PDB file of N, CA and C in Angstrom:
ATOM      1  N   MET A   1      34.066  77.951 117.438  1.00  0.00           N
ATOM      2  CA  MET A   1      35.261  78.758 117.801  1.00  0.00           C
ATOM      3  C   MET A   1      36.047  77.480 117.038  1.00  0.00           C
ATOM      4  N   ARG A   2      37.609  78.744 116.318  1.00  0.00           N
ATOM      5  CA  ARG A   2      38.354  77.542 115.810  1.00  0.00           C
ATOM      6  C   ARG A   2      39.448  77.345 116.570  1.00  0.00           C
ATOM      7  N   ASP A   3      39.661  76.408 116.249  1.00  0.00           N
ATOM      8  CA  ASP A   3      41.147  75.803 117.079  1.00  0.00           C
ATOM      9  C   ASP A   3      42.139  76.085 117.100  1.00  0.00           C
ATOM     10  N   LYS A   4      43.349  76.154 117.882  1.00  0.00           N
ATOM     11  CA  LYS A   4      44.464  76.941 117.795  1.00  0.00           C
ATOM     12  C   LYS A   4      45.646  76.263 116.285  1.00  0.00           C
ATOM     13  N   THR A   5      45.004  74.803 115.903  1.00  0.00           N
ATOM     14  CA  THR A   5      45.602  74.245 114.762  1.00  0.00           C
ATOM     15  C   THR A   5      45.614  74.843 113.324  1.00  0.00           C
ATOM     16  N   GLU A   6      44.470  75.539 113.762  1.00  0.00           N
ATOM     17  CA  GLU A   6      43.705  76.004 112.274  1.00  0.00           C
ATOM     18  C   GLU A   6      44.178  77.686 112.157  1.00  0.00           C
ATOM     19  N   GLU A   7      44.308  78.323 113.493  1.00  0.00           N
ATOM     20  CA  GLU A   7      44.839  79.480 113.576  1.00  0.00           C
ATOM     21  C   GLU A   7      46.306  79.322 113.538  1.00  0.00           C
ATOM     22  N   LYS A   8      47.126  78.766 113.394  1.00  0.00           N
ATOM     23  CA  LYS A   8      48.581  78.313 113.278  1.00  0.00           C
ATOM     24  C   LYS A   8      48.651  78.171 111.532  1.00  0.00           C
ATOM     25  N   ILE A   9      47.856  77.320 110.965  1.00  0.00           N
ATOM     26  CA  ILE A   9      48.051  77.334 109.754  1.00  0.00           C
ATOM     27  C   ILE A   9      47.358  78.286 108.761  1.00  0.00           C
ATOM     28  N   GLU A  10      46.750  79.273 109.464  1.00  0.00           N
ATOM     29  CA  GLU A  10      46.474  80.103 108.628  1.00  0.00           C
ATOM     30  C   GLU A  10      47.785  81.559 109.098  1.00  0.00           C
ATOM     31  N   GLU A  11      48.666  81.733 110.086  1.00  0.00           N
ATOM     32  CA  GLU A  11      49.273  82.426 110.470  1.00  0.00           C
ATOM     33  C   GLU A  11      50.572  81.907 109.540  1.00  0.00           C
ATOM     34  N   LEU A  12      50.675  80.773 109.272  1.00  0.00           N
ATOM     35  CA  LEU A  12      51.931  80.049 108.373  1.00  0.00           C
ATOM     36  C   LEU A  12      51.512  80.148 106.959  1.00  0.00           C
ATOM     37  N   THR A  13      50.500  80.143 106.207  1.00  0.00           N
ATOM     38  CA  THR A  13      50.257  80.544 105.076  1.00  0.00           C
ATOM     39  C   THR A  13      50.588  81.962 104.780  1.00  0.00           C
ATOM     40  N   THR A  14      49.939  82.656 106.077  1.00  0.00           N
ATOM     41  CA  THR A  14      50.406  84.437 105.109  1.00  0.00           C
ATOM     42  C   THR A  14      51.638  84.207 105.186  1.00  0.00           C
ATOM     43  N   LYS A  15      52.374  84.137 106.409  1.00  0.00           N
ATOM     44  CA  LYS A  15      53.869  84.062 106.382  1.00  0.00           C
ATOM     45  C   LYS A  15      54.489  83.803 104.729  1.00  0.00           C
ATOM     46  N   VAL A  16      54.464  82.472 104.612  1.00  0.00           N
ATOM     47  CA  VAL A  16      54.906  82.018 103.423  1.00  0.00           C
ATOM     48  C   VAL A  16      54.527  82.911 102.255  1.00  0.00           C
ATOM     49  N   GLU A  17      53.040  83.286 102.159  1.00  0.00           N
ATOM     50  CA  GLU A  17      52.574  84.191 100.961  1.00  0.00           C
ATOM     51  C   GLU A  17      53.524  85.524 100.830  1.00  0.00           C
ATOM     52  N   LYS A  18      53.996  86.093 102.114  1.00  0.00           N
ATOM     53  CA  LYS A  18      54.756  87.116 102.168  1.00  0.00           C
ATOM     54  C   LYS A  18      56.161  87.056 101.674  1.00  0.00           C
ATOM     55  N   PHE A  19      56.228  85.688 102.151  1.00  0.00           N
ATOM     56  CA  PHE A  19      58.067  85.040 101.539  1.00  0.00           C
ATOM     57  C   PHE A  19      58.035  85.600 100.004  1.00  0.00           C
ATOM     58  N   ILE A  20      56.830  84.539  99.879  1.00  0.00           N
ATOM     59  CA  ILE A  20      57.084  84.234  97.978  1.00  0.00           C
ATOM     60  C   ILE A  20      56.900  85.563  97.446  1.00  0.00           C
ATOM     61  N   SER A  21      55.922  86.392  97.740  1.00  0.00           N
ATOM     62  CA  SER A  21      56.340  87.861  97.089  1.00  0.00           C
ATOM     63  C   SER A  21      57.547  88.481  97.310  1.00  0.00           C
ATOM     64  N   ARG A  22      57.969  88.700  98.345  1.00  0.00           N
ATOM     65  CA  ARG A  22      59.230  89.462  98.719  1.00  0.00           C
ATOM     66  C   ARG A  22      60.372  88.735  97.525  1.00  0.00           C
ATOM     67  N   ASN A  23      60.258  87.238  97.933  1.00  0.00           N
ATOM     68  CA  ASN A  23      60.930  86.671  96.847  1.00  0.00           C
ATOM     69  C   ASN A  23      61.057  86.926  95.105  1.00  0.00           C
ATOM     70  N   LYS A  24      59.790  87.006  95.063  1.00  0.00           N
ATOM     71  CA  LYS A  24      58.976  87.030  93.490  1.00  0.00           C
ATOM     72  C   LYS A  24      60.136  88.482  92.930  1.00  0.00           C
ATOM     73  N   GLU A  25      59.824  89.538  93.767  1.00  0.00           N
ATOM     74  CA  GLU A  25      60.248  90.922  93.571  1.00  0.00           C
ATOM     75  C   GLU A  25      61.486  90.814  93.685  1.00  0.00           C
ATOM     76  N   THR A  26      62.540  90.382  94.342  1.00  0.00           N
ATOM     77  CA  THR A  26      64.006  90.017  94.036  1.00  0.00           C
ATOM     78  C   THR A  26      64.489  89.713  92.783  1.00  0.00           C
ATOM     79  N   GLY A  27      63.455  88.653  93.017  1.00  0.00           N
ATOM     80  CA  GLY A  27      63.951  87.710  91.638  1.00  0.00           C
ATOM     81  C   GLY A  27      63.721  88.395  90.131  1.00  0.00           C
ATOM     82  N   GLU A  28      62.524  89.154  90.154  1.00  0.00           N
ATOM     83  CA  GLU A  28      62.732  90.310  89.153  1.00  0.00           C
ATOM     84  C   GLU A  28      63.578  90.979  88.973  1.00  0.00           C
ATOM     85  N   LYS A  29      63.996  91.988  89.941  1.00  0.00           N
ATOM     86  CA  LYS A  29      65.042  92.871  89.958  1.00  0.00           C
ATOM     87  C   LYS A  29      66.584  92.241  89.816  1.00  0.00           C
ATOM     88  N   HIS A  30      66.539  91.598  89.946  1.00  0.00           N
ATOM     89  CA  HIS A  30      68.118  90.202  89.732  1.00  0.00           C
ATOM     90  C   HIS A  30      67.785  90.247  88.395  1.00  0.00           C
ATOM     91  N   GLN A  31      66.603  89.832  87.506  1.00  0.00           N
ATOM     92  CA  GLN A  31      66.695  89.309  86.466  1.00  0.00           C
ATOM     93  C   GLN A  31      66.581  90.611  85.313  1.00  0.00           C
ATOM     94  N   ARG A  32      66.331  91.978  85.683  1.00  0.00           N
ATOM     95  CA  ARG A  32      66.024  93.246  84.787  1.00  0.00           C
ATOM     96  C   ARG A  32      67.832  93.839  84.912  1.00  0.00           C
ATOM     97  N   ARG A  33      68.144  93.497  85.998  1.00  0.00           N
ATOM     98  CA  ARG A  33      69.898  93.654  86.116  1.00  0.00           C
ATOM     99  C   ARG A  33      70.503  92.558  85.048  1.00  0.00           C
ATOM    100  N   ARG A  34      70.523  91.356  85.217  1.00  0.00           N
ATOM    101  CA  ARG A  34      70.977  90.766  84.582  1.00  0.00           C
ATOM    102  C   ARG A  34      70.848  90.657  83.256  1.00  0.00           C
ATOM    103  N   ASP A  35      69.877  91.319  82.674  1.00  0.00           N
ATOM    104  CA  ASP A  35      69.016  91.483  81.079  1.00  0.00           C
ATOM    105  C   ASP A  35      69.968  92.542  80.405  1.00  0.00           C
ATOM    106  N   LYS A  36      69.725  93.532  81.599  1.00  0.00           N
ATOM    107  CA  LYS A  36      70.316  94.687  81.138  1.00  0.00           C
ATOM    108  C   LYS A  36      71.932  94.972  80.608  1.00  0.00           C
ATOM    109  N   GLU A  37      72.525  93.778  81.902  1.00  0.00           N
ATOM    110  CA  GLU A  37      74.471  94.252  81.324  1.00  0.00           C
ATOM    111  C   GLU A  37      74.054  92.801  80.869  1.00  0.00           C
ATOM    112  N   ASN A  38      73.105  91.893  80.352  1.00  0.00           N
ATOM    113  CA  ASN A  38      73.594  91.368  79.073  1.00  0.00           C
ATOM    114  C   ASN A  38      73.470  91.773  77.913  1.00  0.00           C
ATOM    115  N   GLY A  39      72.690  92.820  77.665  1.00  0.00           N
ATOM    116  CA  GLY A  39      72.373  94.356  76.754  1.00  0.00           C
ATOM    117  C   GLY A  39      73.746  94.811  76.442  1.00  0.00           C
ATOM    118  N   LYS A  40      74.385  95.388  77.505  1.00  0.00           N
ATOM    119  CA  LYS A  40      75.236  96.163  77.535  1.00  0.00           C
ATOM    120  C   LYS A  40      76.413  95.389  76.647  1.00  0.00           C
ATOM    121  N   LYS A  41      76.664  94.320  77.173  1.00  0.00           N
ATOM    122  CA  LYS A  41      77.833  93.195  76.445  1.00  0.00           C
ATOM    123  C   LYS A  41      77.526  93.230  74.804  1.00  0.00           C
ATOM    124  N   LYS A  42      76.292  92.538  74.529  1.00  0.00           N
ATOM    125  CA  LYS A  42      75.930  92.822  72.863  1.00  0.00           C
ATOM    126  C   LYS A  42      76.369  93.834  72.410  1.00  0.00           C
ATOM    127  N   LYS A  43      75.944  95.035  73.036  1.00  0.00           N
ATOM    128  CA  LYS A  43      75.937  96.238  71.949  1.00  0.00           C
ATOM    129  C   LYS A  43      77.350  96.526  71.829  1.00  0.00           C
ATOM    130  N   LYS A  44      78.118  96.482  73.197  1.00  0.00           N
ATOM    131  CA  LYS A  44      79.755  96.501  72.749  1.00  0.00           C
ATOM    132  C   LYS A  44      80.340  96.118  71.533  1.00  0.00           C
ATOM    133  N   SER A  45      80.138  94.976  71.167  1.00  0.00           N
ATOM    134  CA  SER A  45      80.493  94.645  69.815  1.00  0.00           C
ATOM    135  C   SER A  45      80.436  94.977  68.654  1.00  0.00           C
ATOM    136  N   LYS A  46      80.886  96.277  67.582  1.00  0.00           N
ATOM    137  CA  LYS A  46      80.450  96.718  66.416  1.00  0.00           C
ATOM    138  C   LYS A  46      80.878  96.115  65.598  1.00  0.00           C
ATOM    139  N   LEU A  47      82.035  94.809  65.508  1.00  0.00           N
ATOM    140  CA  LEU A  47      82.664  94.209  64.495  1.00  0.00           C
ATOM    141  C   LEU A  47      81.466  93.432  64.257  1.00  0.00           C
ATOM    142  N   GLN A  48      81.520  93.697  62.740  1.00  0.00           N
ATOM    143  CA  GLN A  48      80.509  92.370  61.988  1.00  0.00           C
ATOM    144  C   GLN A  48      81.897  91.170  60.776  1.00  0.00           C
ATOM    145  N   ILE A  49      81.249  90.857  60.601  1.00  0.00           N
ATOM    146  CA  ILE A  49      82.434  89.907  59.610  1.00  0.00           C
ATOM    147  C   ILE A  49      82.474  90.269  58.294  1.00  0.00           C
ATOM    148  N   GLY A  50      83.849  90.620  57.971  1.00  0.00           N
ATOM    149  CA  GLY A  50      84.583  90.958  56.956  1.00  0.00           C
ATOM    150  C   GLY A  50      85.188  92.558  57.405  1.00  0.00           C
ATOM    151  N   ASP A  51      85.258  92.719  58.345  1.00  0.00           N
ATOM    152  CA  ASP A  51      85.775  94.362  58.606  1.00  0.00           C
ATOM    153  C   ASP A  51      87.580  93.871  58.866  1.00  0.00           C
ATOM    154  N   SER A  52      87.940  94.924  58.333  1.00  0.00           N
ATOM    155  CA  SER A  52      89.519  94.779  58.635  1.00  0.00           C
ATOM    156  C   SER A  52      89.661  95.340  60.146  1.00  0.00           C
ATOM    157  N   LEU A  53      91.005  94.251  60.598  1.00  0.00           N
ATOM    158  CA  LEU A  53      91.168  95.094  61.856  1.00  0.00           C
ATOM    159  C   LEU A  53      92.669  95.095  62.084  1.00  0.00           C
ATOM    160  N   ARG A  54      93.317  95.681  62.877  1.00  0.00           N
ATOM    161  CA  ARG A  54      95.402  95.607  63.177  1.00  0.00           C
ATOM    162  C   ARG A  54      94.888  94.424  64.274  1.00  0.00           C
ATOM    163  N   ILE A  55      95.865  93.342  64.399  1.00  0.00           N
ATOM    164  CA  ILE A  55      96.153  92.731  65.696  1.00  0.00           C
ATOM    165  C   ILE A  55      97.300  93.598  66.621  1.00  0.00           C
ATOM    166  N   LYS A  56      96.625  94.203  67.950  1.00  0.00           N
ATOM    167  CA  LYS A  56      97.371  94.618  68.935  1.00  0.00           C
ATOM    168  C   LYS A  56      98.818  93.758  69.284  1.00  0.00           C
ATOM    169  N   ASN A  57      98.762  92.881  69.938  1.00  0.00           N
ATOM    170  CA  ASN A  57     100.203  92.117  69.718  1.00  0.00           C
ATOM    171  C   ASN A  57     100.073  90.795  69.571  1.00  0.00           C
ATOM    172  N   PRO A  58     100.568  90.988  68.134  1.00  0.00           N
ATOM    173  CA  PRO A  58     100.916  89.890  67.580  1.00  0.00           C
ATOM    174  C   PRO A  58     102.064  88.791  68.309  1.00  0.00           C
ATOM    175  N   ARG A  59     101.751  87.129  67.816  1.00  0.00           N
ATOM    176  CA  ARG A  59     103.194  86.644  68.409  1.00  0.00           C
ATOM    177  C   ARG A  59     104.628  86.701  67.242  1.00  0.00           C
ATOM    178  N   ASN A  60     105.162  86.327  67.190  1.00  0.00           N
ATOM    179  CA  ASN A  60     106.685  86.407  66.735  1.00  0.00           C
ATOM    180  C   ASN A  60     105.922  85.557  65.442  1.00  0.00           C
ATOM    181  N   GLY A  61     105.981  86.373  63.993  1.00  0.00           N
ATOM    182  CA  GLY A  61     105.533  85.145  62.843  1.00  0.00           C
ATOM    183  C   GLY A  61     104.240  85.624  62.146  1.00  0.00           C
ATOM    184  N   GLN A  62     103.502  86.290  63.813  1.00  0.00           N
ATOM    185  CA  GLN A  62     102.054  86.175  63.463  1.00  0.00           C
ATOM    186  C   GLN A  62     101.457  87.574  62.319  1.00  0.00           C
ATOM    187  N   ALA A  63     101.037  87.539  61.799  1.00  0.00           N
ATOM    188  CA  ALA A  63     100.303  88.574  60.716  1.00  0.00           C
ATOM    189  C   ALA A  63     100.183  89.551  61.502  1.00  0.00           C
ATOM    190  N   LYS A  64      99.395  91.166  61.546  1.00  0.00           N
ATOM    191  CA  LYS A  64      99.355  92.175  62.428  1.00  0.00           C
ATOM    192  C   LYS A  64      98.139  93.052  61.818  1.00  0.00           C
ATOM    193  N   ALA A  65      97.521  92.253  60.934  1.00  0.00           N
ATOM    194  CA  ALA A  65      96.383  93.026  60.482  1.00  0.00           C
ATOM    195  C   ALA A  65      95.252  91.734  59.562  1.00  0.00           C
ATOM    196  N   GLY A  66      94.250  91.690  59.503  1.00  0.00           N
ATOM    197  CA  GLY A  66      93.125  90.703  58.851  1.00  0.00           C
ATOM    198  C   GLY A  66      91.915  91.169  58.976  1.00  0.00           C
ATOM    199  N   LYS A  67      90.918  90.285  58.295  1.00  0.00           N
ATOM    200  CA  LYS A  67      89.787  90.601  58.151  1.00  0.00           C
ATOM    201  C   LYS A  67      88.577  89.431  59.185  1.00  0.00           C
ATOM    202  N   VAL A  68      87.653  90.018  59.745  1.00  0.00           N
ATOM    203  CA  VAL A  68      86.944  89.042  60.664  1.00  0.00           C
ATOM    204  C   VAL A  68      86.023  87.974  60.114  1.00  0.00           C
ATOM    205  N   CYS A  69      86.140  86.906  60.071  1.00  0.00           N
ATOM    206  CA  CYS A  69      85.810  85.680  59.211  1.00  0.00           C
ATOM    207  C   CYS A  69      84.878  85.048  60.124  1.00  0.00           C
ATOM    208  N   SER A  70      84.615  85.449  61.980  1.00  0.00           N
ATOM    209  CA  SER A  70      83.787  84.722  62.652  1.00  0.00           C
ATOM    210  C   SER A  70      83.536  85.098  63.992  1.00  0.00           C
ATOM    211  N   ILE A  71      82.491  85.314  64.219  1.00  0.00           N
ATOM    212  CA  ILE A  71      82.424  86.082  65.887  1.00  0.00           C
ATOM    213  C   ILE A  71      81.240  85.236  66.972  1.00  0.00           C
ATOM    214  N   GLY A  72      82.094  84.886  67.830  1.00  0.00           N
ATOM    215  CA  GLY A  72      81.314  84.276  68.783  1.00  0.00           C
ATOM    216  C   GLY A  72      80.761  85.045  70.045  1.00  0.00           C
ATOM    217  N   GLU A  73      80.004  84.128  70.918  1.00  0.00           N
ATOM    218  CA  GLU A  73      80.161  84.657  71.942  1.00  0.00           C
ATOM    219  C   GLU A  73      81.700  84.969  72.924  1.00  0.00           C
ATOM    220  N   GLU A  74      82.334  84.003  72.573  1.00  0.00           N
ATOM    221  CA  GLU A  74      83.849  84.793  73.334  1.00  0.00           C
ATOM    222  C   GLU A  74      85.310  84.474  72.385  1.00  0.00           C
ATOM    223  N   TYR A  75      84.769  83.946  71.339  1.00  0.00           N
ATOM    224  CA  TYR A  75      85.717  84.067  70.684  1.00  0.00           C
ATOM    225  C   TYR A  75      85.724  85.056  69.404  1.00  0.00           C
ATOM    226  N   ILE A  76      86.561  85.488  68.531  1.00  0.00           N
ATOM    227  CA  ILE A  76      86.650  86.098  66.858  1.00  0.00           C
ATOM    228  C   ILE A  76      87.991  85.690  66.705  1.00  0.00           C
ATOM    229  N   THR A  77      87.566  85.260  65.164  1.00  0.00           N
ATOM    230  CA  THR A  77      88.705  84.404  64.538  1.00  0.00           C
ATOM    231  C   THR A  77      88.692  85.728  62.964  1.00  0.00           C
ATOM    232  N   VAL A  78      89.798  85.401  62.892  1.00  0.00           N
ATOM    233  CA  VAL A  78      90.692  86.674  62.247  1.00  0.00           C
ATOM    234  C   VAL A  78      90.950  85.777  60.940  1.00  0.00           C
ATOM    235  N   GLU A  79      90.725  86.198  59.579  1.00  0.00           N
ATOM    236  CA  GLU A  79      91.333  85.773  58.504  1.00  0.00           C
ATOM    237  C   GLU A  79      92.965  86.579  57.954  1.00  0.00           C
ATOM    238  N   THR A  80      93.859  86.078  58.462  1.00  0.00           N
ATOM    239  CA  THR A  80      95.461  86.808  57.525  1.00  0.00           C
ATOM    240  C   THR A  80      95.730  86.145  56.426  1.00  0.00           C
ATOM    241  N   LYS A  81      96.716  86.681  56.037  1.00  0.00           N
ATOM    242  CA  LYS A  81      97.658  86.328  55.068  1.00  0.00           C
ATOM    243  C   LYS A  81      98.382  84.965  55.253  1.00  0.00           C
ATOM    244  N   ARG A  82      98.554  84.878  56.638  1.00  0.00           N
ATOM    245  CA  ARG A  82      99.487  83.542  56.847  1.00  0.00           C
ATOM    246  C   ARG A  82      98.448  82.218  57.777  1.00  0.00           C
ATOM    247  N   GLY A  83      97.351  82.651  57.935  1.00  0.00           N
ATOM    248  CA  GLY A  83      96.248  81.931  58.224  1.00  0.00           C
ATOM    249  C   GLY A  83      95.501  82.451  59.178  1.00  0.00           C
ATOM    250  N   LYS A  84      94.438  81.473  60.049  1.00  0.00           N
ATOM    251  CA  LYS A  84      93.630  82.360  61.057  1.00  0.00           C
ATOM    252  C   LYS A  84      94.019  81.924  62.593  1.00  0.00           C
ATOM    253  N   VAL A  85      93.562  83.471  62.878  1.00  0.00           N
ATOM    254  CA  VAL A  85      94.321  83.741  63.974  1.00  0.00           C
ATOM    255  C   VAL A  85      93.052  83.858  65.123  1.00  0.00           C
ATOM    256  N   VAL A  86      93.076  83.045  66.301  1.00  0.00           N
ATOM    257  CA  VAL A  86      91.986  83.275  67.540  1.00  0.00           C
ATOM    258  C   VAL A  86      91.809  83.834  68.399  1.00  0.00           C
ATOM    259  N   SER A  87      90.901  85.356  68.775  1.00  0.00           N
ATOM    260  CA  SER A  87      91.104  86.254  69.553  1.00  0.00           C
ATOM    261  C   SER A  87      90.465  85.155  70.604  1.00  0.00           C
ATOM    262  N   ILE A  88      90.404  86.184  72.149  1.00  0.00           N
ATOM    263  CA  ILE A  88      89.281  85.975  73.453  1.00  0.00           C
ATOM    264  C   ILE A  88      88.988  87.486  73.138  1.00  0.00           C
ATOM    265  N   THR A  89      87.535  87.532  73.570  1.00  0.00           N
ATOM    266  CA  THR A  89      86.972  88.873  73.782  1.00  0.00           C
ATOM    267  C   THR A  89      86.431  89.138  75.099  1.00  0.00           C
ATOM    268  N   THR A  90      86.576  90.057  75.500  1.00  0.00           N
ATOM    269  CA  THR A  90      86.317  90.390  76.758  1.00  0.00           C
ATOM    270  C   THR A  90      85.418  91.005  76.963  1.00  0.00           C
TER     271      THR A  90
END
C-alpha cells in the first residue's frame, strides 16, 4: 500500500507537468506573434543605400533632398549637399 506522501508527490508532479505544458504553449504563441511583428517591421522599409529621397520637414538651413548613405535599426542617415542628416525611423 502506498503512503500519502507518495500520492501527494505524484499529484504535485502531475500538476507541475500540466503547468509547464500550458506555459510552453503560451510562450510559443507569444514568440510566433513577436516573430510576425518583427517580420512586418523589417518588410516595411524598402529604402536602400543610394536611394534619393525628399526630407519632409527640414529645419531652417537644412537641405530638402539627399541620398541614403546608411540604414540602421532606428536611424537613417541621408547625405545632402549641406552635410549629413540623421532621421529616426518609426
